[in-house]
């Protein structure tokens, strides 16, 4: 259970980084991981990331119960 939660957290963060770096075609070559780290320092972005993690955790737990 703990392994799957940690895996889900890393999966959400990895997907979030991928979308941050490749989401805007206009800035695709200029945005790097340093910019993402600066974004993580913003409290509103931290809350959004936590909500994403919680949604994936609830959906995963729900599907594990149903199967």
N, C-alpha and C. Protein backbone atom coordinates (compact mmCIF):
# COMPACT_ATOMS: atom_id res chain seq x y z
N UNK A 1 0.82 -1.19 0.00
CA UNK A 1 0.00 0.00 0.00
C UNK A 1 0.87 1.26 0.00
N UNK A 2 1.88 1.27 0.86
CA UNK A 2 2.76 2.44 0.93
C UNK A 2 3.56 2.59 -0.36
N UNK A 3 4.00 1.47 -0.91
CA UNK A 3 4.75 1.52 -2.17
C UNK A 3 3.91 2.10 -3.30
N UNK A 4 2.66 1.68 -3.35
CA UNK A 4 1.80 2.20 -4.41
C UNK A 4 1.52 3.69 -4.22
N UNK A 5 1.40 4.14 -2.97
CA UNK A 5 1.19 5.57 -2.72
C UNK A 5 2.41 6.38 -3.13
N UNK A 6 3.60 5.88 -2.80
CA UNK A 6 4.83 6.58 -3.18
C UNK A 6 4.98 6.57 -4.70
N UNK A 7 4.66 5.45 -5.33
CA UNK A 7 4.72 5.38 -6.78
C UNK A 7 3.75 6.37 -7.41
N UNK A 8 2.55 6.46 -6.87
CA UNK A 8 1.56 7.41 -7.40
C UNK A 8 2.02 8.85 -7.23
N UNK A 9 2.64 9.17 -6.12
CA UNK A 9 3.15 10.53 -5.89
C UNK A 9 4.23 10.85 -6.91
N UNK A 10 5.16 9.95 -7.11
CA UNK A 10 6.21 10.18 -8.09
C UNK A 10 5.65 10.25 -9.51
N UNK A 11 4.64 9.47 -9.78
CA UNK A 11 4.01 9.50 -11.09
C UNK A 11 3.34 10.84 -11.35
N UNK A 12 2.62 11.36 -10.37
CA UNK A 12 1.96 12.65 -10.52
C UNK A 12 2.98 13.76 -10.69
N UNK A 13 4.04 13.74 -9.90
CA UNK A 13 5.06 14.78 -9.99
C UNK A 13 5.78 14.70 -11.34
N UNK A 14 6.09 13.50 -11.80
CA UNK A 14 6.74 13.34 -13.09
C UNK A 14 5.85 13.86 -14.22
N UNK A 15 4.59 13.52 -14.18
CA UNK A 15 3.66 13.99 -15.21
C UNK A 15 3.52 15.51 -15.15
N UNK A 16 3.50 16.06 -13.93
CA UNK A 16 3.38 17.50 -13.77
C UNK A 16 4.61 18.22 -14.33
N UNK A 17 5.79 17.68 -14.06
CA UNK A 17 7.02 18.27 -14.61
C UNK A 17 7.00 18.19 -16.13
N UNK A 18 6.60 17.05 -16.67
CA UNK A 18 6.54 16.89 -18.12
C UNK A 18 5.59 17.90 -18.74
N UNK A 19 4.42 18.07 -18.14
CA UNK A 19 3.45 19.02 -18.68
C UNK A 19 3.94 20.46 -18.52
N UNK A 20 4.65 20.75 -17.44
CA UNK A 20 5.19 22.09 -17.24
C UNK A 20 6.25 22.40 -18.30
N UNK A 21 7.12 21.45 -18.58
CA UNK A 21 8.20 21.70 -19.52
C UNK A 21 7.75 21.67 -20.97
N UNK A 22 6.74 20.88 -21.29
CA UNK A 22 6.32 20.72 -22.68
C UNK A 22 4.94 21.27 -22.97
N UNK A 23 4.30 21.88 -21.99
CA UNK A 23 2.93 22.34 -22.17
C UNK A 23 2.80 23.55 -23.06
N UNK A 24 3.71 24.49 -22.94
CA UNK A 24 3.62 25.72 -23.72
C UNK A 24 4.64 25.66 -24.85
N UNK A 25 4.17 25.60 -26.07
CA UNK A 25 5.08 25.50 -27.21
C UNK A 25 5.89 26.78 -27.40
N UNK A 26 5.33 27.89 -26.96
CA UNK A 26 6.01 29.17 -27.15
C UNK A 26 7.32 29.23 -26.37
N UNK A 27 7.34 28.66 -25.15
CA UNK A 27 8.53 28.72 -24.29
C UNK A 27 9.23 27.38 -24.16
N UNK A 28 9.00 26.46 -25.08
CA UNK A 28 9.49 25.08 -24.95
C UNK A 28 11.01 24.99 -24.81
N UNK A 29 11.75 25.77 -25.52
CA UNK A 29 13.21 25.71 -25.45
C UNK A 29 13.81 26.52 -24.32
N UNK A 30 13.00 27.36 -23.67
CA UNK A 30 13.54 28.27 -22.67
C UNK A 30 13.25 27.85 -21.23
N UNK A 31 12.27 27.01 -21.02
CA UNK A 31 11.89 26.58 -19.68
C UNK A 31 12.67 25.33 -19.32
N UNK A 32 13.25 25.31 -18.12
CA UNK A 32 13.99 24.13 -17.66
C UNK A 32 13.58 23.79 -16.23
N UNK A 33 14.27 22.82 -15.63
CA UNK A 33 13.90 22.37 -14.28
C UNK A 33 14.09 23.46 -13.23
N UNK A 34 15.00 24.38 -13.46
CA UNK A 34 15.20 25.48 -12.52
C UNK A 34 13.92 26.32 -12.42
N UNK A 35 13.27 26.55 -13.54
CA UNK A 35 12.01 27.29 -13.53
C UNK A 35 10.92 26.52 -12.79
N UNK A 36 10.93 25.20 -12.93
CA UNK A 36 9.94 24.39 -12.22
C UNK A 36 10.18 24.45 -10.72
N UNK A 37 11.43 24.45 -10.30
CA UNK A 37 11.73 24.55 -8.87
C UNK A 37 11.27 25.90 -8.30
N UNK A 38 11.43 26.96 -9.08
CA UNK A 38 10.93 28.27 -8.64
C UNK A 38 9.40 28.25 -8.53
N UNK A 39 8.76 27.53 -9.44
CA UNK A 39 7.30 27.42 -9.41
C UNK A 39 6.84 26.64 -8.19
N UNK A 40 7.60 25.63 -7.79
CA UNK A 40 7.22 24.85 -6.62
C UNK A 40 7.27 25.65 -5.33
N UNK A 41 7.97 26.75 -5.31
CA UNK A 41 8.05 27.58 -4.11
C UNK A 41 6.80 28.43 -3.90
N UNK A 42 5.95 28.52 -4.91
CA UNK A 42 4.71 29.29 -4.79
C UNK A 42 3.67 28.46 -4.03
N UNK A 43 3.08 29.03 -2.98
CA UNK A 43 2.12 28.27 -2.17
C UNK A 43 0.89 27.79 -2.96
N UNK A 44 0.41 28.57 -3.88
CA UNK A 44 -0.77 28.16 -4.64
C UNK A 44 -0.45 26.96 -5.52
N UNK A 45 0.74 26.92 -6.09
CA UNK A 45 1.13 25.78 -6.92
C UNK A 45 1.33 24.53 -6.06
N UNK A 46 1.82 24.71 -4.83
CA UNK A 46 1.97 23.58 -3.92
C UNK A 46 0.61 22.99 -3.59
N UNK A 47 -0.38 23.85 -3.38
CA UNK A 47 -1.72 23.38 -3.07
C UNK A 47 -2.33 22.65 -4.27
N UNK A 48 -2.12 23.17 -5.46
CA UNK A 48 -2.64 22.52 -6.66
C UNK A 48 -2.00 21.14 -6.84
N UNK A 49 -0.70 21.06 -6.61
CA UNK A 49 -0.01 19.78 -6.74
C UNK A 49 -0.50 18.78 -5.69
N UNK A 50 -0.75 19.25 -4.48
CA UNK A 50 -1.28 18.36 -3.44
C UNK A 50 -2.69 17.87 -3.80
N UNK A 51 -3.49 18.72 -4.39
CA UNK A 51 -4.83 18.31 -4.81
C UNK A 51 -4.73 17.24 -5.90
N UNK A 52 -3.82 17.43 -6.84
CA UNK A 52 -3.62 16.42 -7.88
C UNK A 52 -3.21 15.08 -7.28
N UNK A 53 -2.29 15.12 -6.32
CA UNK A 53 -1.82 13.89 -5.67
C UNK A 53 -2.97 13.23 -4.91
N UNK A 54 -3.78 14.02 -4.22
CA UNK A 54 -4.90 13.45 -3.46
C UNK A 54 -5.95 12.84 -4.38
N UNK A 55 -6.21 13.47 -5.52
CA UNK A 55 -7.18 12.91 -6.47
C UNK A 55 -6.70 11.56 -6.99
N UNK A 56 -5.43 11.47 -7.35
CA UNK A 56 -4.88 10.20 -7.83
C UNK A 56 -4.90 9.14 -6.72
N UNK A 57 -4.60 9.55 -5.49
CA UNK A 57 -4.60 8.60 -4.37
C UNK A 57 -6.01 8.07 -4.11
N UNK A 58 -7.00 8.93 -4.15
CA UNK A 58 -8.40 8.49 -3.92
C UNK A 58 -8.87 7.59 -5.05
N UNK A 59 -8.56 7.96 -6.29
CA UNK A 59 -8.97 7.12 -7.41
C UNK A 59 -8.29 5.75 -7.38
N UNK A 60 -7.02 5.74 -7.01
CA UNK A 60 -6.30 4.47 -6.92
C UNK A 60 -6.88 3.59 -5.82
N UNK A 61 -7.16 4.18 -4.66
CA UNK A 61 -7.75 3.41 -3.56
C UNK A 61 -9.13 2.91 -3.95
N UNK A 62 -9.90 3.72 -4.64
CA UNK A 62 -11.23 3.32 -5.07
C UNK A 62 -11.18 2.15 -6.04
N UNK A 63 -10.28 2.21 -7.00
CA UNK A 63 -10.15 1.12 -7.96
C UNK A 63 -9.60 -0.15 -7.33
N UNK A 64 -8.74 -0.02 -6.32
CA UNK A 64 -8.24 -1.22 -5.64
C UNK A 64 -9.34 -1.89 -4.84
N UNK A 65 -10.24 -1.11 -4.29
CA UNK A 65 -11.36 -1.69 -3.54
C UNK A 65 -12.34 -2.38 -4.49
N UNK A 66 -12.55 -1.79 -5.64
CA UNK A 66 -13.52 -2.36 -6.58
C UNK A 66 -13.01 -3.63 -7.25
N UNK A 67 -11.71 -3.77 -7.36
CA UNK A 67 -11.17 -4.95 -8.06
C UNK A 67 -10.90 -6.07 -7.11
